[in-house]
Amino acid sequence: MKIDVFKLLFSDLHLEPRKIPKIRGYIANRFKEYDILHNHDDNKYLYRYPLVQYKIVNEAPALIGISEGIRVLETIENEIRTMSLDGEKIELYEKQMYFNVEQFGCADELLRYNFISPWMCLNEKNYKIYLNSSDEEKKKLLNKILIGNILSMSKGLGYTVDKELKTYVEVTPCQINFKNKTMLGFKGHFIINFKIPDYLGIGKSVSRGFGMVKIC
């Protein structure tokens, strides 16, 4: 199927990926009325695939909107002229906006993607399984998790996966500092017979920039 994807890039601002939660916090607090920006209803977390995702793309902060998320970004875009990060007010002089209609879903061929930000995919249960597995078992587990990530993403975007997914994950572990905790993530690439638009995230905490992919 085809999905609409909108990228709002603050191209005159250069930040490190660790600043993404600050950007997300600023935008979410400033525009609290739009739950799609923060995925909370009062104090309750809304479990759904994020339709607005916060990224660092080529060192510049970016907001990625998908489907309904686009309308929200178009509504607030003109009001974002400054950001306050760590108590510092930052003027935003240059914004770039890109709108694309992208293919999403099962493909007839195998496609290769790079993780351009760490893939965070382990929960408490499968983290323990991963640690106690052989190298071969770890690969099988990560392939299984990747398929689960794709199925969850597809469900959130209203797409039904109607064919067997074939995957090959080639990643190495890395440490992630997440909410002041050290967690295990992965860098590398994967191959799958599925089309994913560039810069969308898969796995856990994709709204905070994790699991961002790009076809290669």
Protein backbone atom coordinates (compact mmCIF):
# COMPACT_ATOMS: atom_id res chain seq x y z
CA MET A 1 0.00 0.00 0.00
CA LYS A 2 0.98 3.66 -0.14
CA ILE A 3 1.38 5.87 2.90
CA ASP A 4 1.91 9.61 3.23
CA VAL A 5 5.15 10.66 4.93
CA PHE A 6 6.07 14.24 5.90
CA LYS A 7 9.50 15.32 7.12
CA LEU A 8 10.01 18.62 8.94
CA LEU A 9 13.75 19.30 9.16
CA PHE A 10 15.33 22.08 11.23
CA SER A 11 18.33 22.29 8.97
CA ASP A 12 20.20 25.16 10.65
CA LEU A 13 20.40 23.36 13.99
CA HIS A 14 22.95 20.61 14.64
CA LEU A 15 22.44 18.34 17.63
CA GLU A 16 23.54 14.95 18.90
CA PRO A 17 21.01 12.08 19.03
CA ARG A 18 21.00 12.21 22.85
CA LYS A 19 19.10 15.51 22.53
CA ILE A 20 16.09 13.85 20.90
CA PRO A 21 14.18 13.33 24.20
CA LYS A 22 14.67 17.03 24.96
CA ILE A 23 13.19 17.99 21.60
CA ARG A 24 10.31 15.58 22.06
CA GLY A 25 9.67 16.89 25.56
CA TYR A 26 9.66 20.49 24.39
CA ILE A 27 7.24 19.87 21.50
CA ALA A 28 4.98 17.60 23.57
CA ASN A 29 4.73 20.08 26.44
CA ARG A 30 4.13 23.04 24.18
CA PHE A 31 1.37 21.32 22.21
CA LYS A 32 -0.17 19.10 24.89
CA GLU A 33 -3.56 19.10 23.19
CA TYR A 34 -2.26 16.80 20.44
CA ASP A 35 -1.81 13.33 21.97
CA ILE A 36 -0.31 12.13 18.71
CA LEU A 37 2.82 14.14 19.62
CA HIS A 38 3.41 12.34 22.91
CA ASN A 39 1.16 9.24 22.92
CA HIS A 40 -0.33 9.96 26.32
CA ASP A 41 -3.94 10.46 27.36
CA ASP A 42 -3.67 12.25 30.71
CA ASN A 43 -1.24 9.95 32.57
CA LYS A 44 -2.06 6.86 30.51
CA TYR A 45 0.33 5.72 27.79
CA LEU A 46 -1.28 5.00 24.42
CA TYR A 47 0.14 1.79 22.96
CA ARG A 48 0.24 2.38 19.22
CA TYR A 49 2.77 2.85 16.46
CA PRO A 50 3.87 6.51 16.75
CA LEU A 51 2.61 8.62 13.85
CA VAL A 52 4.97 11.45 14.81
CA GLN A 53 8.59 10.44 15.35
CA TYR A 54 11.50 12.59 16.53
CA LYS A 55 14.84 12.04 14.81
CA ILE A 56 18.28 13.37 14.09
CA VAL A 57 18.83 13.25 10.32
CA ASN A 58 22.28 14.28 9.10
CA GLU A 59 22.85 15.96 12.50
CA ALA A 60 19.69 18.08 12.13
CA PRO A 61 16.55 17.60 14.26
CA ALA A 62 13.61 16.25 12.28
CA LEU A 63 9.97 15.44 12.95
CA ILE A 64 8.55 12.66 10.81
CA GLY A 65 4.78 12.56 10.38
CA ILE A 66 2.85 9.61 8.99
CA SER A 67 -0.81 9.68 7.88
CA GLU A 68 -2.78 11.56 10.59
CA GLY A 69 0.48 12.76 12.11
CA ILE A 70 1.03 14.95 9.06
CA ARG A 71 -2.02 17.09 9.77
CA VAL A 72 -0.78 17.80 13.29
CA LEU A 73 2.71 18.78 12.08
CA GLU A 74 1.25 21.02 9.40
CA THR A 75 -0.89 22.70 12.07
CA ILE A 76 1.96 23.42 14.49
CA GLU A 77 4.83 23.95 12.05
CA ASN A 78 4.44 27.70 11.73
CA GLU A 79 4.43 28.11 15.52
CA ILE A 80 7.78 26.38 16.02
CA ARG A 81 10.17 29.31 15.66
CA THR A 82 12.22 28.63 18.78
CA MET A 83 13.08 25.69 21.02
CA SER A 84 14.08 25.69 24.65
CA LEU A 85 16.55 22.88 25.37
CA ASP A 86 18.29 22.55 28.74
CA GLY A 87 17.24 26.08 29.63
CA GLU A 88 18.69 27.57 26.44
CA LYS A 89 16.40 29.33 23.99
CA ILE A 90 17.36 28.43 20.42
CA GLU A 91 16.17 30.47 17.44
CA LEU A 92 15.15 28.45 14.38
CA TYR A 93 15.81 30.30 11.15
CA GLU A 94 15.61 27.55 8.54
CA LYS A 95 13.06 24.78 8.11
CA GLN A 96 12.80 22.32 5.26
CA MET A 97 9.65 20.35 4.56
CA TYR A 98 9.33 17.26 2.41
CA PHE A 99 6.15 15.38 1.54
CA ASN A 100 6.26 11.99 -0.14
CA VAL A 101 3.88 9.18 -0.97
CA GLU A 102 5.81 6.01 -0.09
CA GLN A 103 5.36 2.32 -0.73
CA PHE A 104 4.86 0.26 2.42
CA GLY A 105 4.35 -3.48 2.67
CA CYS A 106 5.37 -6.86 1.35
CA ALA A 107 7.81 -6.92 -1.55
CA ASP A 108 8.61 -9.55 -4.16
CA GLU A 109 12.33 -9.02 -3.68
CA LEU A 110 14.65 -8.92 -0.70
CA LEU A 111 15.63 -5.43 0.41
CA ARG A 112 18.55 -4.41 2.60
CA TYR A 113 18.26 -1.75 5.30
CA ASN A 114 20.80 -0.13 7.59
CA PHE A 115 19.96 0.82 11.15
CA ILE A 116 21.08 4.45 11.21
CA SER A 117 20.21 4.64 14.90
CA PRO A 118 20.39 1.75 17.39
CA TRP A 119 17.64 -0.85 17.24
CA MET A 120 16.14 -1.35 20.69
CA CYS A 121 14.19 -4.57 20.52
CA LEU A 122 14.63 -6.57 23.73
CA ASN A 123 12.13 -6.58 26.57
CA GLU A 124 12.87 -7.96 30.02
CA LYS A 125 11.87 -11.50 29.06
CA ASN A 126 13.71 -11.89 25.76
CA TYR A 127 16.74 -10.00 27.14
CA LYS A 128 17.32 -12.88 29.54
CA ILE A 129 16.78 -15.39 26.74
CA TYR A 130 19.26 -13.52 24.55
CA LEU A 131 21.98 -13.49 27.22
CA ASN A 132 21.70 -17.25 27.72
CA SER A 133 21.63 -18.17 24.04
CA SER A 134 24.29 -19.38 21.66
CA ASP A 135 25.30 -17.18 18.72
CA GLU A 136 23.02 -19.16 16.39
CA GLU A 137 20.11 -18.95 18.82
CA LYS A 138 20.65 -15.20 19.18
CA LYS A 139 20.34 -14.76 15.41
CA LYS A 140 17.13 -16.77 15.33
CA LEU A 141 15.72 -14.76 18.22
CA LEU A 142 16.57 -11.41 16.61
CA ASN A 143 15.05 -12.51 13.28
CA LYS A 144 11.88 -13.52 15.11
CA ILE A 145 11.76 -10.19 16.96
CA LEU A 146 12.31 -8.26 13.72
CA ILE A 147 9.32 -9.99 12.13
CA GLY A 148 7.27 -9.16 15.21
CA ASN A 149 8.33 -5.51 14.93
CA ILE A 150 7.23 -5.40 11.29
CA LEU A 151 3.88 -6.99 12.12
CA SER A 152 3.25 -4.50 14.93
CA MET A 153 4.23 -1.58 12.72
CA SER A 154 1.95 -2.86 9.94
CA LYS A 155 -0.99 -3.22 12.31
CA GLY A 156 -0.49 0.32 13.55
CA LEU A 157 -0.54 1.63 9.98
CA GLY A 158 -3.58 -0.42 8.96
CA TYR A 159 -1.73 -2.87 6.73
CA THR A 160 -2.24 -6.63 6.68
CA VAL A 161 0.87 -8.73 6.02
CA ASP A 162 -0.37 -11.39 3.62
CA LYS A 163 2.81 -13.32 2.86
CA GLU A 164 5.64 -15.00 4.72
CA LEU A 165 8.36 -12.61 5.77
CA LYS A 166 11.93 -13.72 5.12
CA THR A 167 14.59 -12.02 7.20
CA TYR A 168 18.32 -12.01 7.77
CA VAL A 169 19.62 -9.84 10.62
CA GLU A 170 23.31 -8.95 10.81
CA VAL A 171 23.88 -6.75 13.86
CA THR A 172 26.31 -6.19 16.70
CA PRO A 173 25.33 -5.23 20.28
CA CYS A 174 25.81 -1.71 21.57
CA GLN A 175 25.05 0.12 24.79
CA ILE A 176 22.21 2.66 24.91
CA ASN A 177 21.68 5.26 27.57
CA PHE A 178 17.88 5.34 27.89
CA LYS A 179 16.16 7.28 30.67
CA ASN A 180 19.41 7.26 32.66
CA LYS A 181 19.70 3.49 32.35
CA THR A 182 22.17 1.48 30.30
CA MET A 183 20.34 -0.84 27.93
CA LEU A 184 21.29 -3.19 25.11
CA GLY A 185 20.70 -2.14 21.52
CA PHE A 186 21.98 -3.23 18.13
CA LYS A 187 23.72 -1.64 15.16
CA GLY A 188 24.03 -3.11 11.70
CA HIS A 189 21.69 -4.08 8.91
CA PHE A 190 18.97 -6.53 7.94
CA ILE A 191 17.43 -7.99 4.80
CA ILE A 192 13.70 -8.54 4.42
CA ASN A 193 11.05 -8.86 1.70
CA PHE A 194 9.24 -5.77 2.94
CA LYS A 195 9.24 -2.12 1.89
CA ILE A 196 9.82 0.43 4.68
CA PRO A 197 10.10 4.16 3.93
CA ASP A 198 13.43 5.74 4.87
CA TYR A 199 13.76 7.19 8.38
CA LEU A 200 10.82 5.33 9.90
CA GLY A 201 11.62 3.42 13.07
CA ILE A 202 11.06 -0.18 14.09
CA GLY A 203 11.27 -1.75 17.53
CA LYS A 204 10.96 0.01 20.87
CA SER A 205 10.95 3.78 21.46
CA VAL A 206 10.84 4.71 17.77
CA SER A 207 9.24 8.05 18.68
CA ARG A 208 12.55 8.91 20.39
CA GLY A 209 14.60 8.12 17.30
CA PHE A 210 15.56 4.50 17.93
CA GLY A 211 15.47 1.83 15.24
CA MET A 212 15.57 4.31 12.34
CA VAL A 213 16.15 2.53 9.03
CA LYS A 214 17.33 3.50 5.57
CA ILE A 215 17.40 1.34 2.49
CA CYS A 216 20.83 0.67 1.03
